[in-house]
């Protein structure tokens, strides 16, 4: 696990109030019942703030899994 991956997993776990060990790269709103549209918006906002970046609307729409978020952060940073 690289640094960005670990940081994003920690952010997602904190917002969803789950253990980091319960999350995988494939985790999404389809696999975690706490991950609803409001939680998704909170995750995106927290990631933007943490990394001091701003996602494009199309990027936000395409981010479904933790892996999607990680890859988008790496692309934008």
PDB file of N, CA and C in Angstrom:
ATOM      1  N   UNK A   1       0.851  -1.173   0.000  1.00  0.00           N
ATOM      2  CA  UNK A   1       0.000   0.000   0.000  1.00  0.00           C
ATOM      3  C   UNK A   1       0.901   1.241   0.000  1.00  0.00           C
ATOM      4  N   UNK A   2       0.647   2.147  -0.949  1.00  0.00           N
ATOM      5  CA  UNK A   2       1.452   3.365  -0.967  1.00  0.00           C
ATOM      6  C   UNK A   2       0.825   4.438  -0.072  1.00  0.00           C
ATOM      7  N   UNK A   3       1.502   5.562   0.052  1.00  0.00           N
ATOM      8  CA  UNK A   3       1.095   6.618   0.980  1.00  0.00           C
ATOM      9  C   UNK A   3      -0.285   7.175   0.629  1.00  0.00           C
ATOM     10  N   UNK A   4      -0.508   7.502  -0.638  1.00  0.00           N
ATOM     11  CA  UNK A   4      -1.794   8.069  -1.058  1.00  0.00           C
ATOM     12  C   UNK A   4      -2.918   7.077  -0.800  1.00  0.00           C
ATOM     13  N   UNK A   5      -2.692   5.823  -1.129  1.00  0.00           N
ATOM     14  CA  UNK A   5      -3.700   4.774  -0.902  1.00  0.00           C
ATOM     15  C   UNK A   5      -4.077   4.705   0.580  1.00  0.00           C
ATOM     16  N   UNK A   6      -3.087   4.682   1.445  1.00  0.00           N
ATOM     17  CA  UNK A   6      -3.338   4.618   2.885  1.00  0.00           C
ATOM     18  C   UNK A   6      -4.088   5.833   3.392  1.00  0.00           C
ATOM     19  N   UNK A   7      -3.731   7.010   2.886  1.00  0.00           N
ATOM     20  CA  UNK A   7      -4.400   8.240   3.317  1.00  0.00           C
ATOM     21  C   UNK A   7      -5.860   8.254   2.876  1.00  0.00           C
ATOM     22  N   UNK A   8      -6.130   7.823   1.663  1.00  0.00           N
ATOM     23  CA  UNK A   8      -7.509   7.806   1.163  1.00  0.00           C
ATOM     24  C   UNK A   8      -8.332   6.763   1.901  1.00  0.00           C
ATOM     25  N   UNK A   9      -7.774   5.602   2.147  1.00  0.00           N
ATOM     26  CA  UNK A   9      -8.497   4.588   2.914  1.00  0.00           C
ATOM     27  C   UNK A   9      -8.823   5.111   4.305  1.00  0.00           C
ATOM     28  N   UNK A  10      -7.901   5.832   4.921  1.00  0.00           N
ATOM     29  CA  UNK A  10      -8.156   6.409   6.248  1.00  0.00           C
ATOM     30  C   UNK A  10      -9.275   7.438   6.195  1.00  0.00           C
ATOM     31  N   UNK A  11      -9.291   8.263   5.155  1.00  0.00           N
ATOM     32  CA  UNK A  11     -10.356   9.261   5.001  1.00  0.00           C
ATOM     33  C   UNK A  11     -11.705   8.574   4.834  1.00  0.00           C
ATOM     34  N   UNK A  12     -11.763   7.599   3.932  1.00  0.00           N
ATOM     35  CA  UNK A  12     -13.025   6.886   3.678  1.00  0.00           C
ATOM     36  C   UNK A  12     -13.508   6.176   4.942  1.00  0.00           C
ATOM     37  N   UNK A  13     -12.607   5.498   5.632  1.00  0.00           N
ATOM     38  CA  UNK A  13     -12.980   4.782   6.858  1.00  0.00           C
ATOM     39  C   UNK A  13     -13.519   5.755   7.906  1.00  0.00           C
ATOM     40  N   UNK A  14     -12.890   6.912   8.023  1.00  0.00           N
ATOM     41  CA  UNK A  14     -13.338   7.900   8.993  1.00  0.00           C
ATOM     42  C   UNK A  14     -14.732   8.423   8.689  1.00  0.00           C
ATOM     43  N   UNK A  15     -14.990   8.710   7.452  1.00  0.00           N
ATOM     44  CA  UNK A  15     -16.304   9.232   7.066  1.00  0.00           C
ATOM     45  C   UNK A  15     -17.378   8.164   7.193  1.00  0.00           C
ATOM     46  N   UNK A  16     -17.060   6.951   6.779  1.00  0.00           N
ATOM     47  CA  UNK A  16     -18.051   5.872   6.837  1.00  0.00           C
ATOM     48  C   UNK A  16     -18.150   5.232   8.214  1.00  0.00           C
ATOM     49  N   UNK A  17     -17.203   5.580   9.091  1.00  0.00           N
ATOM     50  CA  UNK A  17     -17.154   5.020  10.445  1.00  0.00           C
ATOM     51  C   UNK A  17     -17.053   3.486  10.415  1.00  0.00           C
ATOM     52  N   UNK A  18     -16.080   3.030   9.615  1.00  0.00           N
ATOM     53  CA  UNK A  18     -15.758   1.599   9.527  1.00  0.00           C
ATOM     54  C   UNK A  18     -14.262   1.438   9.767  1.00  0.00           C
ATOM     55  N   UNK A  19     -13.841   0.229  10.081  1.00  0.00           N
ATOM     56  CA  UNK A  19     -12.418  -0.047  10.239  1.00  0.00           C
ATOM     57  C   UNK A  19     -11.741  -0.041   8.876  1.00  0.00           C
ATOM     58  N   UNK A  20     -10.525   0.474   8.848  1.00  0.00           N
ATOM     59  CA  UNK A  20      -9.779   0.485   7.593  1.00  0.00           C
ATOM     60  C   UNK A  20      -9.625  -0.927   7.040  1.00  0.00           C
ATOM     61  N   UNK A  21      -9.509  -1.897   7.915  1.00  0.00           N
ATOM     62  CA  UNK A  21      -9.341  -3.287   7.475  1.00  0.00           C
ATOM     63  C   UNK A  21     -10.596  -3.837   6.785  1.00  0.00           C
ATOM     64  N   UNK A  22     -11.728  -3.151   6.946  1.00  0.00           N
ATOM     65  CA  UNK A  22     -12.965  -3.575   6.293  1.00  0.00           C
ATOM     66  C   UNK A  22     -13.058  -3.076   4.848  1.00  0.00           C
ATOM     67  N   UNK A  23     -12.116  -2.234   4.455  1.00  0.00           N
ATOM     68  CA  UNK A  23     -12.157  -1.644   3.124  1.00  0.00           C
ATOM     69  C   UNK A  23     -11.134  -2.293   2.206  1.00  0.00           C
ATOM     70  N   UNK A  24     -11.517  -2.461   0.957  1.00  0.00           N
ATOM     71  CA  UNK A  24     -10.629  -2.934  -0.099  1.00  0.00           C
ATOM     72  C   UNK A  24     -10.645  -1.893  -1.208  1.00  0.00           C
ATOM     73  N   UNK A  25      -9.744  -2.040  -2.147  1.00  0.00           N
ATOM     74  CA  UNK A  25      -9.703  -1.107  -3.270  1.00  0.00           C
ATOM     75  C   UNK A  25     -11.002  -1.115  -4.067  1.00  0.00           C
ATOM     76  N   UNK A  26     -11.692  -2.247  -4.076  1.00  0.00           N
ATOM     77  CA  UNK A  26     -12.942  -2.386  -4.835  1.00  0.00           C
ATOM     78  C   UNK A  26     -14.154  -1.893  -4.051  1.00  0.00           C
ATOM     79  N   UNK A  27     -13.976  -1.496  -2.787  1.00  0.00           N
ATOM     80  CA  UNK A  27     -15.103  -1.048  -1.967  1.00  0.00           C
ATOM     81  C   UNK A  27     -15.774   0.159  -2.616  1.00  0.00           C
ATOM     82  N   UNK A  28     -17.117   0.160  -2.533  1.00  0.00           N
ATOM     83  CA  UNK A  28     -17.903   1.234  -3.150  1.00  0.00           C
ATOM     84  C   UNK A  28     -19.251   1.322  -2.436  1.00  0.00           C
ATOM     85  N   UNK A  29     -20.091   2.175  -2.943  1.00  0.00           N
ATOM     86  CA  UNK A  29     -21.444   2.286  -2.409  1.00  0.00           C
ATOM     87  C   UNK A  29     -22.242   1.008  -2.579  1.00  0.00           C
ATOM     88  N   UNK A  30     -21.837   0.181  -3.523  1.00  0.00           N
ATOM     89  CA  UNK A  30     -22.529  -1.092  -3.734  1.00  0.00           C
ATOM     90  C   UNK A  30     -22.151  -2.136  -2.689  1.00  0.00           C
ATOM     91  N   UNK A  31     -20.986  -1.983  -2.077  1.00  0.00           N
ATOM     92  CA  UNK A  31     -20.523  -2.998  -1.129  1.00  0.00           C
ATOM     93  C   UNK A  31     -20.520  -2.534   0.329  1.00  0.00           C
ATOM     94  N   UNK A  32     -20.614  -1.231   0.563  1.00  0.00           N
ATOM     95  CA  UNK A  32     -20.610  -0.681   1.922  1.00  0.00           C
ATOM     96  C   UNK A  32     -21.910   0.093   2.111  1.00  0.00           C
ATOM     97  N   UNK A  33     -22.809  -0.403   2.964  1.00  0.00           N
ATOM     98  CA  UNK A  33     -24.134   0.222   3.052  1.00  0.00           C
ATOM     99  C   UNK A  33     -24.096   1.651   3.586  1.00  0.00           C
ATOM    100  N   UNK A  34     -23.054   2.034   4.332  1.00  0.00           N
ATOM    101  CA  UNK A  34     -22.949   3.401   4.837  1.00  0.00           C
ATOM    102  C   UNK A  34     -22.574   4.393   3.728  1.00  0.00           C
ATOM    103  N   UNK A  35     -22.076   3.880   2.614  1.00  0.00           N
ATOM    104  CA  UNK A  35     -21.586   4.719   1.519  1.00  0.00           C
ATOM    105  C   UNK A  35     -22.762   5.102   0.612  1.00  0.00           C
ATOM    106  N   UNK A  36     -23.526   6.088   1.046  1.00  0.00           N
ATOM    107  CA  UNK A  36     -24.639   6.594   0.242  1.00  0.00           C
ATOM    108  C   UNK A  36     -24.185   7.865  -0.479  1.00  0.00           C
ATOM    109  N   UNK A  37     -25.107   8.554  -1.129  1.00  0.00           N
ATOM    110  CA  UNK A  37     -24.724   9.736  -1.912  1.00  0.00           C
ATOM    111  C   UNK A  37     -24.178  10.855  -1.037  1.00  0.00           C
ATOM    112  N   UNK A  38     -24.713  11.017   0.161  1.00  0.00           N
ATOM    113  CA  UNK A  38     -24.204  12.040   1.070  1.00  0.00           C
ATOM    114  C   UNK A  38     -22.793  11.690   1.543  1.00  0.00           C
ATOM    115  N   UNK A  39     -22.570  10.430   1.876  1.00  0.00           N
ATOM    116  CA  UNK A  39     -21.237   9.986   2.283  1.00  0.00           C
ATOM    117  C   UNK A  39     -20.256  10.155   1.128  1.00  0.00           C
ATOM    118  N   UNK A  40     -20.701   9.860  -0.087  1.00  0.00           N
ATOM    119  CA  UNK A  40     -19.834  10.014  -1.255  1.00  0.00           C
ATOM    120  C   UNK A  40     -19.401  11.472  -1.405  1.00  0.00           C
ATOM    121  N   UNK A  41     -20.354  12.389  -1.271  1.00  0.00           N
ATOM    122  CA  UNK A  41     -20.024  13.816  -1.362  1.00  0.00           C
ATOM    123  C   UNK A  41     -19.046  14.216  -0.258  1.00  0.00           C
ATOM    124  N   UNK A  42     -19.235  13.676   0.927  1.00  0.00           N
ATOM    125  CA  UNK A  42     -18.329  13.966   2.042  1.00  0.00           C
ATOM    126  C   UNK A  42     -16.932  13.416   1.779  1.00  0.00           C
ATOM    127  N   UNK A  43     -16.861  12.221   1.219  1.00  0.00           N
ATOM    128  CA  UNK A  43     -15.561  11.611   0.880  1.00  0.00           C
ATOM    129  C   UNK A  43     -14.833  12.472  -0.143  1.00  0.00           C
ATOM    130  N   UNK A  44     -15.540  12.857  -1.195  1.00  0.00           N
ATOM    131  CA  UNK A  44     -14.923  13.671  -2.251  1.00  0.00           C
ATOM    132  C   UNK A  44     -14.427  14.993  -1.677  1.00  0.00           C
ATOM    133  N   UNK A  45     -15.251  15.633  -0.885  1.00  0.00           N
ATOM    134  CA  UNK A  45     -14.879  16.911  -0.278  1.00  0.00           C
ATOM    135  C   UNK A  45     -13.657  16.767   0.637  1.00  0.00           C
ATOM    136  N   UNK A  46     -13.656  15.733   1.458  1.00  0.00           N
ATOM    137  CA  UNK A  46     -12.543  15.507   2.382  1.00  0.00           C
ATOM    138  C   UNK A  46     -11.243  15.216   1.635  1.00  0.00           C
ATOM    139  N   UNK A  47     -11.335  14.437   0.563  1.00  0.00           N
ATOM    140  CA  UNK A  47     -10.145  14.120  -0.230  1.00  0.00           C
ATOM    141  C   UNK A  47      -9.619  15.390  -0.901  1.00  0.00           C
ATOM    142  N   UNK A  48     -10.517  16.197  -1.459  1.00  0.00           N
ATOM    143  CA  UNK A  48     -10.095  17.450  -2.078  1.00  0.00           C
ATOM    144  C   UNK A  48      -9.389  18.351  -1.063  1.00  0.00           C
ATOM    145  N   UNK A  49      -9.969  18.461   0.102  1.00  0.00           N
ATOM    146  CA  UNK A  49      -9.382  19.307   1.138  1.00  0.00           C
ATOM    147  C   UNK A  49      -8.037  18.759   1.607  1.00  0.00           C
ATOM    148  N   UNK A  50      -7.972  17.462   1.868  1.00  0.00           N
ATOM    149  CA  UNK A  50      -6.747  16.843   2.380  1.00  0.00           C
ATOM    150  C   UNK A  50      -5.581  17.019   1.403  1.00  0.00           C
ATOM    151  N   UNK A  51      -5.842  16.789   0.118  1.00  0.00           N
ATOM    152  CA  UNK A  51      -4.783  16.850  -0.880  1.00  0.00           C
ATOM    153  C   UNK A  51      -4.672  18.231  -1.544  1.00  0.00           C
ATOM    154  N   UNK A  52      -5.537  19.169  -1.132  1.00  0.00           N
ATOM    155  CA  UNK A  52      -5.557  20.525  -1.679  1.00  0.00           C
ATOM    156  C   UNK A  52      -5.662  20.493  -3.206  1.00  0.00           C
ATOM    157  N   UNK A  53      -6.686  19.759  -3.665  1.00  0.00           N
ATOM    158  CA  UNK A  53      -6.958  19.635  -5.095  1.00  0.00           C
ATOM    159  C   UNK A  53      -8.442  19.887  -5.328  1.00  0.00           C
ATOM    160  N   UNK A  54      -8.819  20.045  -6.586  1.00  0.00           N
ATOM    161  CA  UNK A  54     -10.222  20.208  -6.952  1.00  0.00           C
ATOM    162  C   UNK A  54     -10.505  19.261  -8.113  1.00  0.00           C
ATOM    163  N   UNK A  55     -11.474  18.376  -7.918  1.00  0.00           N
ATOM    164  CA  UNK A  55     -11.831  17.420  -8.958  1.00  0.00           C
ATOM    165  C   UNK A  55     -12.752  18.062  -9.988  1.00  0.00           C
ATOM    166  N   UNK A  56     -12.605  17.636 -11.222  1.00  0.00           N
ATOM    167  CA  UNK A  56     -13.521  17.992 -12.291  1.00  0.00           C
ATOM    168  C   UNK A  56     -14.822  17.219 -12.077  1.00  0.00           C
ATOM    169  N   UNK A  57     -15.933  17.797 -12.492  1.00  0.00           N
ATOM    170  CA  UNK A  57     -17.239  17.157 -12.312  1.00  0.00           C
ATOM    171  C   UNK A  57     -17.267  15.771 -12.943  1.00  0.00           C
ATOM    172  N   UNK A  58     -16.679  15.613 -14.115  1.00  0.00           N
ATOM    173  CA  UNK A  58     -16.665  14.300 -14.775  1.00  0.00           C
ATOM    174  C   UNK A  58     -15.860  13.289 -13.966  1.00  0.00           C
ATOM    175  N   UNK A  59     -14.773  13.740 -13.333  1.00  0.00           N
ATOM    176  CA  UNK A  59     -13.997  12.845 -12.477  1.00  0.00           C
ATOM    177  C   UNK A  59     -14.852  12.367 -11.308  1.00  0.00           C
ATOM    178  N   UNK A  60     -15.588  13.286 -10.704  1.00  0.00           N
ATOM    179  CA  UNK A  60     -16.431  12.941  -9.549  1.00  0.00           C
ATOM    180  C   UNK A  60     -17.471  11.904  -9.947  1.00  0.00           C
ATOM    181  N   UNK A  61     -18.077  12.102 -11.099  1.00  0.00           N
ATOM    182  CA  UNK A  61     -19.108  11.170 -11.570  1.00  0.00           C
ATOM    183  C   UNK A  61     -18.524   9.773 -11.790  1.00  0.00           C
ATOM    184  N   UNK A  62     -17.285   9.706 -12.264  1.00  0.00           N
ATOM    185  CA  UNK A  62     -16.677   8.424 -12.587  1.00  0.00           C
ATOM    186  C   UNK A  62     -16.070   7.708 -11.384  1.00  0.00           C
ATOM    187  N   UNK A  63     -15.901   8.410 -10.257  1.00  0.00           N
ATOM    188  CA  UNK A  63     -15.312   7.781  -9.071  1.00  0.00           C
ATOM    189  C   UNK A  63     -16.376   6.968  -8.342  1.00  0.00           C
ATOM    190  N   UNK A  64     -16.234   5.657  -8.389  1.00  0.00           N
ATOM    191  CA  UNK A  64     -17.188   4.751  -7.745  1.00  0.00           C
ATOM    192  C   UNK A  64     -16.546   3.954  -6.616  1.00  0.00           C
ATOM    193  N   UNK A  65     -15.296   3.611  -6.788  1.00  0.00           N
ATOM    194  CA  UNK A  65     -14.603   2.758  -5.817  1.00  0.00           C
ATOM    195  C   UNK A  65     -13.448   3.526  -5.175  1.00  0.00           C
ATOM    196  N   UNK A  66     -12.892   2.955  -4.127  1.00  0.00           N
ATOM    197  CA  UNK A  66     -11.713   3.553  -3.509  1.00  0.00           C
ATOM    198  C   UNK A  66     -10.579   3.617  -4.525  1.00  0.00           C
ATOM    199  N   UNK A  67     -10.428   2.583  -5.317  1.00  0.00           N
ATOM    200  CA  UNK A  67      -9.382   2.569  -6.335  1.00  0.00           C
ATOM    201  C   UNK A  67      -9.583   3.701  -7.346  1.00  0.00           C
ATOM    202  N   UNK A  68     -10.825   3.965  -7.734  1.00  0.00           N
ATOM    203  CA  UNK A  68     -11.107   5.084  -8.640  1.00  0.00           C
ATOM    204  C   UNK A  68     -10.650   6.407  -8.026  1.00  0.00           C
ATOM    205  N   UNK A  69     -10.931   6.580  -6.736  1.00  0.00           N
ATOM    206  CA  UNK A  69     -10.544   7.812  -6.047  1.00  0.00           C
ATOM    207  C   UNK A  69      -9.019   7.941  -6.022  1.00  0.00           C
ATOM    208  N   UNK A  70      -8.344   6.861  -5.670  1.00  0.00           N
ATOM    209  CA  UNK A  70      -6.874   6.867  -5.621  1.00  0.00           C
ATOM    210  C   UNK A  70      -6.295   7.237  -6.986  1.00  0.00           C
ATOM    211  N   UNK A  71      -6.772   6.590  -8.027  1.00  0.00           N
ATOM    212  CA  UNK A  71      -6.247   6.850  -9.368  1.00  0.00           C
ATOM    213  C   UNK A  71      -6.518   8.293  -9.820  1.00  0.00           C
ATOM    214  N   UNK A  72      -7.682   8.834  -9.448  1.00  0.00           N
ATOM    215  CA  UNK A  72      -8.007  10.205  -9.821  1.00  0.00           C
ATOM    216  C   UNK A  72      -7.126  11.189  -9.045  1.00  0.00           C
ATOM    217  N   UNK A  73      -6.888  10.940  -7.779  1.00  0.00           N
ATOM    218  CA  UNK A  73      -5.990  11.806  -6.999  1.00  0.00           C
ATOM    219  C   UNK A  73      -4.597  11.795  -7.632  1.00  0.00           C
ATOM    220  N   UNK A  74      -4.109  10.637  -7.984  1.00  0.00           N
ATOM    221  CA  UNK A  74      -2.782  10.547  -8.599  1.00  0.00           C
ATOM    222  C   UNK A  74      -2.739  11.279  -9.935  1.00  0.00           C
ATOM    223  N   UNK A  75      -3.832  11.237 -10.675  1.00  0.00           N
ATOM    224  CA  UNK A  75      -3.902  11.908 -11.980  1.00  0.00           C
ATOM    225  C   UNK A  75      -3.933  13.431 -11.802  1.00  0.00           C
ATOM    226  N   UNK A  76      -4.694  13.900 -10.820  1.00  0.00           N
ATOM    227  CA  UNK A  76      -4.893  15.332 -10.613  1.00  0.00           C
ATOM    228  C   UNK A  76      -3.713  15.986  -9.898  1.00  0.00           C
ATOM    229  N   UNK A  77      -3.049  15.222  -9.022  1.00  0.00           N
ATOM    230  CA  UNK A  77      -1.958  15.814  -8.231  1.00  0.00           C
ATOM    231  C   UNK A  77      -0.741  16.122  -9.055  1.00  0.00           C
TER     232      UNK A  77
END
